[in-house]
PDB file of all heavy atoms in Angstrom:
ATOM      1  N   ALA A   1     110.340  74.450 131.459  1.00  0.00           N
ATOM      2  CA  ALA A   1     110.855  75.609 130.722  1.00  0.00           C
ATOM      3  C   ALA A   1     111.274  75.185 129.291  1.00  0.00           C
ATOM      4  O   ALA A   1     111.839  74.141 129.149  1.00  0.00           O
ATOM      5  CB  ALA A   1     112.073  76.162 131.507  1.00  0.00           C
ATOM      6  N   GLY A   2     111.065  76.072 128.397  1.00  0.00           N
ATOM      7  CA  GLY A   2     111.507  75.893 126.991  1.00  0.00           C
ATOM      8  C   GLY A   2     112.746  76.774 126.807  1.00  0.00           C
ATOM      9  O   GLY A   2     112.754  78.005 127.209  1.00  0.00           O
ATOM     10  N   LEU A   3     113.804  76.294 126.302  1.00  0.00           N
ATOM     11  CA  LEU A   3     115.088  76.957 126.170  1.00  0.00           C
ATOM     12  C   LEU A   3     115.450  76.993 124.631  1.00  0.00           C
ATOM     13  O   LEU A   3     115.615  75.980 124.054  1.00  0.00           O
ATOM     14  CB  LEU A   3     116.183  76.285 126.972  1.00  0.00           C
ATOM     15  CG  LEU A   3     117.609  76.711 126.832  1.00  0.00           C
ATOM     16  CD1 LEU A   3     117.691  78.143 127.419  1.00  0.00           C
ATOM     17  CD2 LEU A   3     118.530  75.756 127.623  1.00  0.00           C
ATOM     18  N   GLY A   4     115.483  78.209 124.140  1.00  0.00           N
ATOM     19  CA  GLY A   4     115.909  78.381 122.717  1.00  0.00           C
ATOM     20  C   GLY A   4     117.333  78.933 122.659  1.00  0.00           C
ATOM     21  O   GLY A   4     117.655  79.895 123.414  1.00  0.00           O
ATOM     22  N   ILE A   5     118.177  78.327 121.846  1.00  0.00           N
ATOM     23  CA  ILE A   5     119.597  78.799 121.728  1.00  0.00           C
ATOM     24  C   ILE A   5     119.911  78.897 120.208  1.00  0.00           C
ATOM     25  O   ILE A   5     119.279  78.214 119.431  1.00  0.00           O
ATOM     26  CB  ILE A   5     120.631  77.873 122.416  1.00  0.00           C
ATOM     27  CG1 ILE A   5     120.647  76.519 121.840  1.00  0.00           C
ATOM     28  CG2 ILE A   5     120.284  77.759 123.929  1.00  0.00           C
ATOM     29  CD1 ILE A   5     121.848  75.660 122.190  1.00  0.00           C
ATOM     30  N   PRO A   6     120.874  79.796 119.896  1.00  0.00           N
ATOM     31  CA  PRO A   6     121.126  79.993 118.451  1.00  0.00           C
ATOM     32  C   PRO A   6     122.151  78.953 117.938  1.00  0.00           C
ATOM     33  O   PRO A   6     123.351  79.206 117.717  1.00  0.00           O
ATOM     34  CB  PRO A   6     121.756  81.370 118.467  1.00  0.00           C
ATOM     35  CG  PRO A   6     122.441  81.446 119.823  1.00  0.00           C
ATOM     36  CD  PRO A   6     121.515  80.671 120.767  1.00  0.00           C
ATOM     37  N   GLY A   7     121.639  77.721 117.683  1.00  0.00           N
ATOM     38  CA  GLY A   7     122.453  76.633 117.117  1.00  0.00           C
ATOM     39  C   GLY A   7     121.822  75.346 117.164  1.00  0.00           C
ATOM     40  O   GLY A   7     120.811  75.252 117.877  1.00  0.00           O
ATOM     41  N   PRO A   8     122.446  74.326 116.632  1.00  0.00           N
ATOM     42  CA  PRO A   8     121.815  73.026 116.651  1.00  0.00           C
ATOM     43  C   PRO A   8     121.863  72.342 117.985  1.00  0.00           C
ATOM     44  O   PRO A   8     122.884  72.428 118.740  1.00  0.00           O
ATOM     45  CB  PRO A   8     122.701  72.234 115.579  1.00  0.00           C
ATOM     46  CG  PRO A   8     123.947  72.965 115.499  1.00  0.00           C
ATOM     47  CD  PRO A   8     123.599  74.390 115.882  1.00  0.00           C
ATOM     48  N   VAL A   9     120.816  71.654 118.295  1.00  0.00           N
ATOM     49  CA  VAL A   9     120.659  70.969 119.646  1.00  0.00           C
ATOM     50  C   VAL A   9     120.237  69.585 119.307  1.00  0.00           C
ATOM     51  O   VAL A   9     119.225  69.298 118.559  1.00  0.00           O
ATOM     52  CB  VAL A   9     119.614  71.698 120.544  1.00  0.00           C
ATOM     53  CG1 VAL A   9     119.495  70.911 121.860  1.00  0.00           C
ATOM     54  CG2 VAL A   9     119.936  73.141 120.777  1.00  0.00           C
ATOM     55  N   MET A  10     120.831  68.587 119.941  1.00  0.00           N
ATOM     56  CA  MET A  10     120.424  67.177 119.786  1.00  0.00           C
ATOM     57  C   MET A  10     119.117  66.931 120.633  1.00  0.00           C
ATOM     58  O   MET A  10     118.840  67.657 121.517  1.00  0.00           O
ATOM     59  CB  MET A  10     121.578  66.227 120.288  1.00  0.00           C
ATOM     60  CG  MET A  10     122.897  66.419 119.483  1.00  0.00           C
ATOM     61  SD  MET A  10     122.715  66.265 117.696  1.00  0.00           S
ATOM     62  CE  MET A  10     122.310  64.504 117.555  1.00  0.00           C
ATOM     63  N   PRO A  11     118.412  65.885 120.286  1.00  0.00           N
ATOM     64  CA  PRO A  11     117.190  65.551 121.004  1.00  0.00           C
ATOM     65  C   PRO A  11     117.316  65.434 122.504  1.00  0.00           C
ATOM     66  O   PRO A  11     116.457  65.785 123.250  1.00  0.00           O
ATOM     67  CB  PRO A  11     116.744  64.211 120.415  1.00  0.00           C
ATOM     68  CG  PRO A  11     117.283  64.201 119.016  1.00  0.00           C
ATOM     69  CD  PRO A  11     118.596  64.932 119.127  1.00  0.00           C
ATOM     70  N   ASP A  12     118.523  65.068 122.966  1.00  0.00           N
ATOM     71  CA  ASP A  12     118.752  64.901 124.386  1.00  0.00           C
ATOM     72  C   ASP A  12     119.211  66.228 125.060  1.00  0.00           C
ATOM     73  O   ASP A  12     119.508  66.210 126.283  1.00  0.00           O
ATOM     74  CB  ASP A  12     119.722  63.795 124.775  1.00  0.00           C
ATOM     75  CG  ASP A  12     121.168  64.070 124.293  1.00  0.00           C
ATOM     76  OD1 ASP A  12     121.377  65.079 123.573  1.00  0.00           O
ATOM     77  OD2 ASP A  12     122.024  63.354 124.560  1.00  0.00           O
ATOM     78  N   GLY A  13     119.315  67.266 124.240  1.00  0.00           N
ATOM     79  CA  GLY A  13     119.699  68.586 124.819  1.00  0.00           C
ATOM     80  C   GLY A  13     121.193  68.882 124.622  1.00  0.00           C
ATOM     81  O   GLY A  13     121.657  70.010 124.957  1.00  0.00           O
ATOM     82  N   TYR A  14     121.992  67.932 124.044  1.00  0.00           N
ATOM     83  CA  TYR A  14     123.420  68.143 123.908  1.00  0.00           C
ATOM     84  C   TYR A  14     123.708  69.169 122.765  1.00  0.00           C
ATOM     85  O   TYR A  14     123.041  69.107 121.714  1.00  0.00           O
ATOM     86  CB  TYR A  14     124.021  66.777 123.558  1.00  0.00           C
ATOM     87  CG  TYR A  14     125.539  66.898 123.214  1.00  0.00           C
ATOM     88  CD1 TYR A  14     126.476  67.052 124.225  1.00  0.00           C
ATOM     89  CD2 TYR A  14     125.940  66.850 121.827  1.00  0.00           C
ATOM     90  CE1 TYR A  14     127.853  67.162 123.875  1.00  0.00           C
ATOM     91  CE2 TYR A  14     127.274  66.926 121.550  1.00  0.00           C
ATOM     92  CZ  TYR A  14     128.188  67.075 122.561  1.00  0.00           C
ATOM     93  OH  TYR A  14     129.569  67.278 122.236  1.00  0.00           O
ATOM     94  N   VAL A  15     124.647  70.009 123.071  1.00  0.00           N
ATOM     95  CA  VAL A  15     125.121  71.010 122.099  1.00  0.00           C
ATOM     96  C   VAL A  15     126.577  70.821 121.842  1.00  0.00           C
ATOM     97  O   VAL A  15     127.365  70.995 122.780  1.00  0.00           O
ATOM     98  CB  VAL A  15     124.852  72.491 122.633  1.00  0.00           C
ATOM     99  CG1 VAL A  15     125.427  73.426 121.649  1.00  0.00           C
ATOM    100  CG2 VAL A  15     123.343  72.665 122.740  1.00  0.00           C
ATOM    101  N   GLU A  16     126.934  70.411 120.618  1.00  0.00           N
ATOM    102  CA  GLU A  16     128.371  70.268 120.307  1.00  0.00           C
ATOM    103  C   GLU A  16     129.135  71.575 120.278  1.00  0.00           C
ATOM    104  O   GLU A  16     130.133  71.728 120.832  1.00  0.00           O
ATOM    105  CB  GLU A  16     128.555  69.538 118.936  1.00  0.00           C
ATOM    106  CG  GLU A  16     129.957  69.209 118.645  1.00  0.00           C
ATOM    107  CD  GLU A  16     130.178  68.401 117.349  1.00  0.00           C
ATOM    108  OE1 GLU A  16     129.179  67.949 116.844  1.00  0.00           O
ATOM    109  OE2 GLU A  16     131.272  68.340 116.927  1.00  0.00           O
ATOM    110  N   VAL A  17     128.449  72.511 119.548  1.00  0.00           N
ATOM    111  CA  VAL A  17     129.037  73.880 119.480  1.00  0.00           C
ATOM    112  C   VAL A  17     128.005  74.870 119.188  1.00  0.00           C
ATOM    113  O   VAL A  17     127.032  74.602 118.448  1.00  0.00           O
ATOM    114  CB  VAL A  17     130.142  73.906 118.382  1.00  0.00           C
ATOM    115  CG1 VAL A  17     129.568  73.681 116.973  1.00  0.00           C
ATOM    116  CG2 VAL A  17     130.890  75.272 118.476  1.00  0.00           C
ATOM    117  N   CYS A  18     128.008  76.059 119.937  1.00  0.00           N
ATOM    118  CA  CYS A  18     127.218  77.177 119.670  1.00  0.00           C
ATOM    119  C   CYS A  18     128.194  78.383 119.602  1.00  0.00           C
ATOM    120  O   CYS A  18     128.532  78.968 120.604  1.00  0.00           O
ATOM    121  CB  CYS A  18     126.205  77.319 120.796  1.00  0.00           C
ATOM    122  SG  CYS A  18     125.099  78.701 120.479  1.00  0.00           S
ATOM    123  N   VAL A  19     128.540  78.707 118.389  1.00  0.00           N
ATOM    124  CA  VAL A  19     129.532  79.806 118.200  1.00  0.00           C
ATOM    125  C   VAL A  19     129.190  81.042 118.832  1.00  0.00           C
ATOM    126  O   VAL A  19     130.020  81.704 119.451  1.00  0.00           O
ATOM    127  CB  VAL A  19     129.812  79.887 116.659  1.00  0.00           C
ATOM    128  CG1 VAL A  19     130.832  81.056 116.318  1.00  0.00           C
ATOM    129  CG2 VAL A  19     130.284  78.511 116.060  1.00  0.00           C
ATOM    130  N   ASN A  20     127.863  81.487 118.630  1.00  0.00           N
ATOM    131  CA  ASN A  20     127.472  82.763 119.135  1.00  0.00           C
ATOM    132  C   ASN A  20     127.694  82.939 120.637  1.00  0.00           C
ATOM    133  O   ASN A  20     127.899  83.988 121.130  1.00  0.00           O
ATOM    134  CB  ASN A  20     125.983  83.058 118.868  1.00  0.00           C
ATOM    135  CG  ASN A  20     125.709  83.183 117.337  1.00  0.00           C
ATOM    136  OD1 ASN A  20     126.556  82.913 116.517  1.00  0.00           O
ATOM    137  ND2 ASN A  20     124.512  83.621 117.048  1.00  0.00           N
ATOM    138  N   LEU A  21     127.638  81.834 121.352  1.00  0.00           N
ATOM    139  CA  LEU A  21     127.690  81.874 122.751  1.00  0.00           C
ATOM    140  C   LEU A  21     129.061  81.381 123.413  1.00  0.00           C
ATOM    141  O   LEU A  21     129.306  81.539 124.605  1.00  0.00           O
ATOM    142  CB  LEU A  21     126.554  81.040 123.455  1.00  0.00           C
ATOM    143  CG  LEU A  21     125.166  81.392 123.004  1.00  0.00           C
ATOM    144  CD1 LEU A  21     124.251  80.435 123.661  1.00  0.00           C
ATOM    145  CD2 LEU A  21     124.827  82.818 123.308  1.00  0.00           C
ATOM    146  N   GLY A  22     129.803  80.770 122.524  1.00  0.00           N
ATOM    147  CA  GLY A  22     131.164  80.239 122.954  1.00  0.00           C
ATOM    148  C   GLY A  22     131.010  78.913 123.611  1.00  0.00           C
ATOM    149  O   GLY A  22     131.962  78.368 124.174  1.00  0.00           O
ATOM    150  N   TRP A  23     129.844  78.227 123.511  1.00  0.00           N
ATOM    151  CA  TRP A  23     129.640  76.944 124.063  1.00  0.00           C
ATOM    152  C   TRP A  23     130.212  75.780 123.192  1.00  0.00           C
ATOM    153  O   TRP A  23     130.158  75.811 121.902  1.00  0.00           O
ATOM    154  CB  TRP A  23     128.184  76.638 124.212  1.00  0.00           C
ATOM    155  CG  TRP A  23     127.531  77.421 125.319  1.00  0.00           C
ATOM    156  CD1 TRP A  23     128.089  78.199 126.291  1.00  0.00           C
ATOM    157  CD2 TRP A  23     126.125  77.459 125.597  1.00  0.00           C
ATOM    158  NE1 TRP A  23     127.101  78.653 127.116  1.00  0.00           N
ATOM    159  CE2 TRP A  23     125.901  78.286 126.691  1.00  0.00           C
ATOM    160  CE3 TRP A  23     124.956  76.892 124.951  1.00  0.00           C
ATOM    161  CZ2 TRP A  23     124.598  78.527 127.211  1.00  0.00           C
ATOM    162  CZ3 TRP A  23     123.744  77.116 125.503  1.00  0.00           C
ATOM    163  CH2 TRP A  23     123.539  77.959 126.607  1.00  0.00           C
ATOM    164  N   ARG A  24     130.867  74.876 123.925  1.00  0.00           N
ATOM    165  CA  ARG A  24     131.333  73.647 123.191  1.00  0.00           C
ATOM    166  C   ARG A  24     131.151  72.429 124.161  1.00  0.00           C
ATOM    167  O   ARG A  24     131.482  72.488 125.306  1.00  0.00           O
ATOM    168  CB  ARG A  24     132.828  73.678 122.897  1.00  0.00           C
ATOM    169  CG  ARG A  24     133.173  74.666 121.830  1.00  0.00           C
ATOM    170  CD  ARG A  24     134.660  74.519 121.312  1.00  0.00           C
ATOM    171  NE  ARG A  24     134.961  75.333 120.235  1.00  0.00           N
ATOM    172  CZ  ARG A  24     134.641  75.058 118.963  1.00  0.00           C
ATOM    173  NH1 ARG A  24     133.920  73.965 118.727  1.00  0.00           N
ATOM    174  NH2 ARG A  24     134.878  75.861 117.945  1.00  0.00           N
ATOM    175  N   ASP A  25     130.573  71.403 123.613  1.00  0.00           N
ATOM    176  CA  ASP A  25     130.350  70.177 124.351  1.00  0.00           C
ATOM    177  C   ASP A  25     129.653  70.445 125.635  1.00  0.00           C
ATOM    178  O   ASP A  25     130.139  70.105 126.748  1.00  0.00           O
ATOM    179  CB  ASP A  25     131.711  69.533 124.530  1.00  0.00           C
ATOM    180  CG  ASP A  25     131.541  68.083 125.054  1.00  0.00           C
ATOM    181  OD1 ASP A  25     130.569  67.422 124.696  1.00  0.00           O
ATOM    182  OD2 ASP A  25     132.415  67.592 125.832  1.00  0.00           O
ATOM    183  N   VAL A  26     128.379  70.899 125.576  1.00  0.00           N
ATOM    184  CA  VAL A  26     127.524  71.194 126.768  1.00  0.00           C
ATOM    185  C   VAL A  26     126.145  70.671 126.607  1.00  0.00           C
ATOM    186  O   VAL A  26     125.776  70.243 125.473  1.00  0.00           O
ATOM    187  CB  VAL A  26     127.498  72.727 127.095  1.00  0.00           C
ATOM    188  CG1 VAL A  26     128.844  73.290 127.410  1.00  0.00           C
ATOM    189  CG2 VAL A  26     126.815  73.448 125.962  1.00  0.00           C
ATOM    190  N   ASN A  27     125.453  70.500 127.654  1.00  0.00           N
ATOM    191  CA  ASN A  27     124.083  70.055 127.601  1.00  0.00           C
ATOM    192  C   ASN A  27     123.325  71.112 128.456  1.00  0.00           C
ATOM    193  O   ASN A  27     123.041  70.918 129.672  1.00  0.00           O
ATOM    194  CB  ASN A  27     123.880  68.672 128.202  1.00  0.00           C
ATOM    195  CG  ASN A  27     122.447  68.220 127.833  1.00  0.00           C
ATOM    196  OD1 ASN A  27     121.488  68.922 127.968  1.00  0.00           O
ATOM    197  ND2 ASN A  27     122.348  66.959 127.458  1.00  0.00           N
ATOM    198  N   PRO A  28     122.982  72.241 127.870  1.00  0.00           N
ATOM    199  CA  PRO A  28     122.267  73.328 128.578  1.00  0.00           C
ATOM    200  C   PRO A  28     120.969  72.822 129.153  1.00  0.00           C
ATOM    201  O   PRO A  28     120.521  73.378 130.224  1.00  0.00           O
ATOM    202  CB  PRO A  28     122.100  74.399 127.564  1.00  0.00           C
ATOM    203  CG  PRO A  28     122.279  73.812 126.214  1.00  0.00           C
ATOM    204  CD  PRO A  28     123.212  72.621 126.469  1.00  0.00           C
ATOM    205  N   GLN A  29     120.311  71.965 128.526  1.00  0.00           N
ATOM    206  CA  GLN A  29     118.989  71.356 129.030  1.00  0.00           C
ATOM    207  C   GLN A  29     119.240  70.785 130.381  1.00  0.00           C
ATOM    208  O   GLN A  29     118.492  71.109 131.341  1.00  0.00           O
ATOM    209  CB  GLN A  29     118.533  70.447 127.993  1.00  0.00           C
ATOM    210  CG  GLN A  29     117.145  69.668 128.392  1.00  0.00           C
ATOM    211  CD  GLN A  29     116.739  68.667 127.331  1.00  0.00           C
ATOM    212  OE1 GLN A  29     116.449  69.129 126.266  1.00  0.00           O
ATOM    213  NE2 GLN A  29     116.689  67.398 127.623  1.00  0.00           N
ATOM    214  N   LYS A  30     120.136  69.842 130.493  1.00  0.00           N
ATOM    215  CA  LYS A  30     120.358  69.227 131.744  1.00  0.00           C
ATOM    216  C   LYS A  30     120.951  70.110 132.818  1.00  0.00           C
ATOM    217  O   LYS A  30     120.518  70.064 133.978  1.00  0.00           O
ATOM    218  CB  LYS A  30     121.367  67.998 131.599  1.00  0.00           C
ATOM    219  CG  LYS A  30     120.783  66.820 130.932  1.00  0.00           C
ATOM    220  CD  LYS A  30     121.710  65.685 130.727  1.00  0.00           C
ATOM    221  CE  LYS A  30     121.031  64.492 130.022  1.00  0.00           C
ATOM    222  NZ  LYS A  30     122.020  63.431 129.675  1.00  0.00           N
ATOM    223  N   GLU A  31     121.867  70.988 132.389  1.00  0.00           N
ATOM    224  CA  GLU A  31     122.525  71.895 133.335  1.00  0.00           C
ATOM    225  C   GLU A  31     121.465  72.922 133.923  1.00  0.00           C
ATOM    226  O   GLU A  31     121.443  73.066 135.141  1.00  0.00           O
ATOM    227  CB  GLU A  31     123.654  72.749 132.667  1.00  0.00           C
ATOM    228  CG  GLU A  31     124.787  71.786 132.292  1.00  0.00           C
ATOM    229  CD  GLU A  31     125.898  72.588 131.535  1.00  0.00           C
ATOM    230  OE1 GLU A  31     126.061  73.763 131.760  1.00  0.00           O
ATOM    231  OE2 GLU A  31     126.601  71.866 130.788  1.00  0.00           O
ATOM    232  N   LEU A  32     120.665  73.493 133.079  1.00  0.00           N
ATOM    233  CA  LEU A  32     119.650  74.418 133.585  1.00  0.00           C
ATOM    234  C   LEU A  32     118.636  73.818 134.400  1.00  0.00           C
ATOM    235  O   LEU A  32     118.297  74.337 135.461  1.00  0.00           O
ATOM    236  CB  LEU A  32     118.989  75.220 132.461  1.00  0.00           C
ATOM    237  CG  LEU A  32     118.156  76.389 132.844  1.00  0.00           C
ATOM    238  CD1 LEU A  32     118.913  77.439 133.671  1.00  0.00           C
ATOM    239  CD2 LEU A  32     117.515  77.016 131.638  1.00  0.00           C
ATOM    240  N   SER A  33     118.198  72.585 134.065  1.00  0.00           N
ATOM    241  CA  SER A  33     117.194  71.851 134.895  1.00  0.00           C
ATOM    242  C   SER A  33     117.760  71.656 136.299  1.00  0.00           C
ATOM    243  O   SER A  33     117.093  71.846 137.241  1.00  0.00           O
ATOM    244  CB  SER A  33     116.921  70.552 134.226  1.00  0.00           C
ATOM    245  OG  SER A  33     116.050  69.797 135.059  1.00  0.00           O
ATOM    246  N   ALA A  34     119.021  71.241 136.397  1.00  0.00           N
ATOM    247  CA  ALA A  34     119.675  71.024 137.740  1.00  0.00           C
ATOM    248  C   ALA A  34     119.689  72.294 138.533  1.00  0.00           C
ATOM    249  O   ALA A  34     119.562  72.237 139.706  1.00  0.00           O
ATOM    250  CB  ALA A  34     121.037  70.436 137.551  1.00  0.00           C
ATOM    251  N   MET A  35     119.927  73.422 137.793  1.00  0.00           N
ATOM    252  CA  MET A  35     120.019  74.702 138.549  1.00  0.00           C
ATOM    253  C   MET A  35     118.639  75.228 139.018  1.00  0.00           C
ATOM    254  O   MET A  35     118.491  76.109 139.844  1.00  0.00           O
ATOM    255  CB  MET A  35     120.636  75.810 137.663  1.00  0.00           C
ATOM    256  CG  MET A  35     122.074  75.569 137.295  1.00  0.00           C
ATOM    257  SD  MET A  35     122.626  76.802 136.119  1.00  0.00           S
ATOM    258  CE  MET A  35     124.156  76.085 135.593  1.00  0.00           C
ATOM    259  N   LEU A  36     117.545  74.628 138.449  1.00  0.00           N
ATOM    260  CA  LEU A  36     116.174  75.083 138.735  1.00  0.00           C
ATOM    261  C   LEU A  36     115.327  74.047 139.404  1.00  0.00           C
ATOM    262  O   LEU A  36     114.251  73.686 138.958  1.00  0.00           O
ATOM    263  CB  LEU A  36     115.515  75.595 137.433  1.00  0.00           C
ATOM    264  CG  LEU A  36     116.112  76.782 136.751  1.00  0.00           C
ATOM    265  CD1 LEU A  36     115.435  77.004 135.354  1.00  0.00           C
ATOM    266  CD2 LEU A  36     116.074  78.016 137.617  1.00  0.00           C
TER     267      LEU A  36
END
């Protein structure tokens, strides 16, 4: 799966902050992979 989010993403999938979504200090790449 390809996951696009409105903000900067590190190469390993880590997101320090995504203001539009309220995310702070998350890795949506790893989290969504685990859920799927």
